[in-house]
Every structure is written in structure tokens, then in C-alpha cells.
Amino acid sequence: MPPTAEEWIAQFADALGQPTPTGAQMTAVLELASVAAHSSERRAAPIACWLAALAGRDPDEARALAEALSEAQPPPGPAPPDR
């Protein structure tokens, strides 16, 4: 049986030499990912989280910035049909 998400994250954190994120930290990252995915495309979510980490931004601060960006832009239209 594969590990749970929490178990895998703990193992990955350990492999990176980092502490395991708290539940609140994981929630903050997931909320940032949600804003990015719903403001653009799903693939924006992991890259937004990576950019926030690269910039040294707290996930809550990054989510607020992402929400401000989202509110400043009209929502994306439907995807064009496949041809």
C-alpha cells in the first residue's frame, strides 16, 4: 500500500533535510494552489507554490497576492475546442 500524502510529504521533507510542514502550513500551500488553479489552469498551482517558495514568501502572503492578481483580471474563458 502506498504511503498517505502526509507520510510521503514527511519522507520528502526528511530527504530534503527540512522539517515536516505542519497541518496549518500544508493548508496554506493548498489554498495558494487552489487560487492559482482556479484563476488560470491547473498547472499554474504547483508552479505558483514553487515560485512563492523560491521568493521566500509565506504561503498566506503569496495567496493574498495571487487573489489580488486574480481579482484584477477577468476570469479565463472556455478552452478552445480540439481540432
C-alpha atoms as a PDB file:
ATOM      1  CA  MET A   1       0.000   0.000   0.000  1.00  0.00           C
ATOM      2  CA  PRO A   2       1.436   3.412  -0.939  1.00  0.00           C
ATOM      3  CA  PRO A   3       2.009   5.973   1.811  1.00  0.00           C
ATOM      4  CA  THR A   4      -0.589   8.615   2.589  1.00  0.00           C
ATOM      5  CA  ALA A   5       0.062  12.140   1.342  1.00  0.00           C
ATOM      6  CA  GLU A   6       1.133  13.150   4.831  1.00  0.00           C
ATOM      7  CA  GLU A   7       3.536  10.196   5.111  1.00  0.00           C
ATOM      8  CA  TRP A   8       5.019  10.899   1.678  1.00  0.00           C
ATOM      9  CA  ILE A   9       5.422  14.616   2.464  1.00  0.00           C
ATOM     10  CA  ALA A  10       7.174  13.748   5.740  1.00  0.00           C
ATOM     11  CA  GLN A  11       9.548  11.401   3.885  1.00  0.00           C
ATOM     12  CA  PHE A  12      10.202  14.010   1.171  1.00  0.00           C
ATOM     13  CA  ALA A  13      10.825  16.740   3.754  1.00  0.00           C
ATOM     14  CA  ASP A  14      13.289  14.456   5.519  1.00  0.00           C
ATOM     15  CA  ALA A  15      15.054  13.676   2.234  1.00  0.00           C
ATOM     16  CA  LEU A  16      15.360  17.428   1.601  1.00  0.00           C
ATOM     17  CA  GLY A  17      16.692  17.982   5.113  1.00  0.00           C
ATOM     18  CA  GLN A  18      13.649  20.073   6.036  1.00  0.00           C
ATOM     19  CA  PRO A  19      11.150  19.778   8.860  1.00  0.00           C
ATOM     20  CA  THR A  20       7.804  18.223   8.055  1.00  0.00           C
ATOM     21  CA  PRO A  21       5.271  21.001   7.417  1.00  0.00           C
ATOM     22  CA  THR A  22       2.551  21.482   9.985  1.00  0.00           C
ATOM     23  CA  GLY A  23      -1.087  20.960   9.129  1.00  0.00           C
ATOM     24  CA  ALA A  24      -1.572  24.741   9.005  1.00  0.00           C
ATOM     25  CA  GLN A  25       1.377  25.121   6.618  1.00  0.00           C
ATOM     26  CA  MET A  26       0.035  22.410   4.330  1.00  0.00           C
ATOM     27  CA  THR A  27      -3.393  24.054   4.348  1.00  0.00           C
ATOM     28  CA  ALA A  28      -1.851  27.426   3.425  1.00  0.00           C
ATOM     29  CA  VAL A  29       0.045  25.899   0.498  1.00  0.00           C
ATOM     30  CA  LEU A  30      -3.065  24.068  -0.712  1.00  0.00           C
ATOM     31  CA  GLU A  31      -5.072  27.308  -0.536  1.00  0.00           C
ATOM     32  CA  LEU A  32      -2.419  29.087  -2.633  1.00  0.00           C
ATOM     33  CA  ALA A  33      -2.523  26.219  -5.126  1.00  0.00           C
ATOM     34  CA  SER A  34      -6.315  26.452  -5.255  1.00  0.00           C
ATOM     35  CA  VAL A  35      -6.273  30.165  -6.068  1.00  0.00           C
ATOM     36  CA  ALA A  36      -3.695  29.638  -8.815  1.00  0.00           C
ATOM     37  CA  ALA A  37      -5.558  26.682 -10.334  1.00  0.00           C
ATOM     38  CA  HIS A  38      -8.927  28.421 -10.296  1.00  0.00           C
ATOM     39  CA  SER A  39      -7.507  31.697 -11.635  1.00  0.00           C
ATOM     40  CA  SER A  40      -5.790  30.077 -14.595  1.00  0.00           C
ATOM     41  CA  GLU A  41      -5.103  26.449 -15.421  1.00  0.00           C
ATOM     42  CA  ARG A  42      -4.440  23.578 -13.018  1.00  0.00           C
ATOM     43  CA  ARG A  43      -0.785  23.502 -13.941  1.00  0.00           C
ATOM     44  CA  ALA A  44      -0.394  27.009 -12.507  1.00  0.00           C
ATOM     45  CA  ALA A  45      -0.885  25.582  -8.995  1.00  0.00           C
ATOM     46  CA  PRO A  46       2.412  23.747  -8.426  1.00  0.00           C
ATOM     47  CA  ILE A  47       4.415  26.397 -10.239  1.00  0.00           C
ATOM     48  CA  ALA A  48       2.834  29.200  -8.163  1.00  0.00           C
ATOM     49  CA  CYS A  49       3.754  27.308  -4.987  1.00  0.00           C
ATOM     50  CA  TRP A  50       7.301  26.776  -6.232  1.00  0.00           C
ATOM     51  CA  LEU A  51       7.659  30.461  -7.137  1.00  0.00           C
ATOM     52  CA  ALA A  52       6.384  31.527  -3.720  1.00  0.00           C
ATOM     53  CA  ALA A  53       8.924  29.241  -2.045  1.00  0.00           C
ATOM     54  CA  LEU A  54      11.692  30.440  -4.353  1.00  0.00           C
ATOM     55  CA  ALA A  55      10.837  34.040  -3.423  1.00  0.00           C
ATOM     56  CA  GLY A  56      10.829  33.133   0.276  1.00  0.00           C
ATOM     57  CA  ARG A  57       7.201  34.230   0.631  1.00  0.00           C
ATOM     58  CA  ASP A  58       4.893  32.879   3.296  1.00  0.00           C
ATOM     59  CA  PRO A  59       2.093  30.843   1.638  1.00  0.00           C
ATOM     60  CA  ASP A  60      -0.609  33.089   3.149  1.00  0.00           C
ATOM     61  CA  GLU A  61       1.150  36.200   1.806  1.00  0.00           C
ATOM     62  CA  ALA A  62       1.555  34.551  -1.599  1.00  0.00           C
ATOM     63  CA  ARG A  63      -2.137  33.542  -1.613  1.00  0.00           C
ATOM     64  CA  ALA A  64      -3.174  37.146  -0.917  1.00  0.00           C
ATOM     65  CA  LEU A  65      -1.009  38.293  -3.817  1.00  0.00           C
ATOM     66  CA  ALA A  66      -2.471  35.591  -6.070  1.00  0.00           C
ATOM     67  CA  GLU A  67      -6.009  36.589  -5.074  1.00  0.00           C
ATOM     68  CA  ALA A  68      -5.257  40.238  -5.872  1.00  0.00           C
ATOM     69  CA  LEU A  69      -3.936  39.208  -9.287  1.00  0.00           C
ATOM     70  CA  SER A  70      -7.000  37.049  -9.848  1.00  0.00           C
ATOM     71  CA  GLU A  71      -9.383  39.880  -8.991  1.00  0.00           C
ATOM     72  CA  ALA A  72      -7.563  42.269 -11.333  1.00  0.00           C
ATOM     73  CA  GLN A  73      -8.078  40.005 -14.346  1.00  0.00           C
ATOM     74  CA  PRO A  74     -11.277  38.758 -15.959  1.00  0.00           C
ATOM     75  CA  PRO A  75     -11.872  35.043 -15.472  1.00  0.00           C
ATOM     76  CA  PRO A  76     -10.470  32.804 -18.218  1.00  0.00           C
ATOM     77  CA  GLY A  77     -12.870  31.863 -20.983  1.00  0.00           C
ATOM     78  CA  PRO A  78     -13.631  28.306 -22.037  1.00  0.00           C
ATOM     79  CA  ALA A  79     -10.873  26.332 -23.681  1.00  0.00           C
ATOM     80  CA  PRO A  80     -10.971  26.293 -27.481  1.00  0.00           C
ATOM     81  CA  PRO A  81     -12.327  23.072 -28.990  1.00  0.00           C
ATOM     82  CA  ASP A  82      -9.811  20.449 -30.080  1.00  0.00           C
ATOM     83  CA  ARG A  83      -9.231  20.406 -33.805  1.00  0.00           C
END
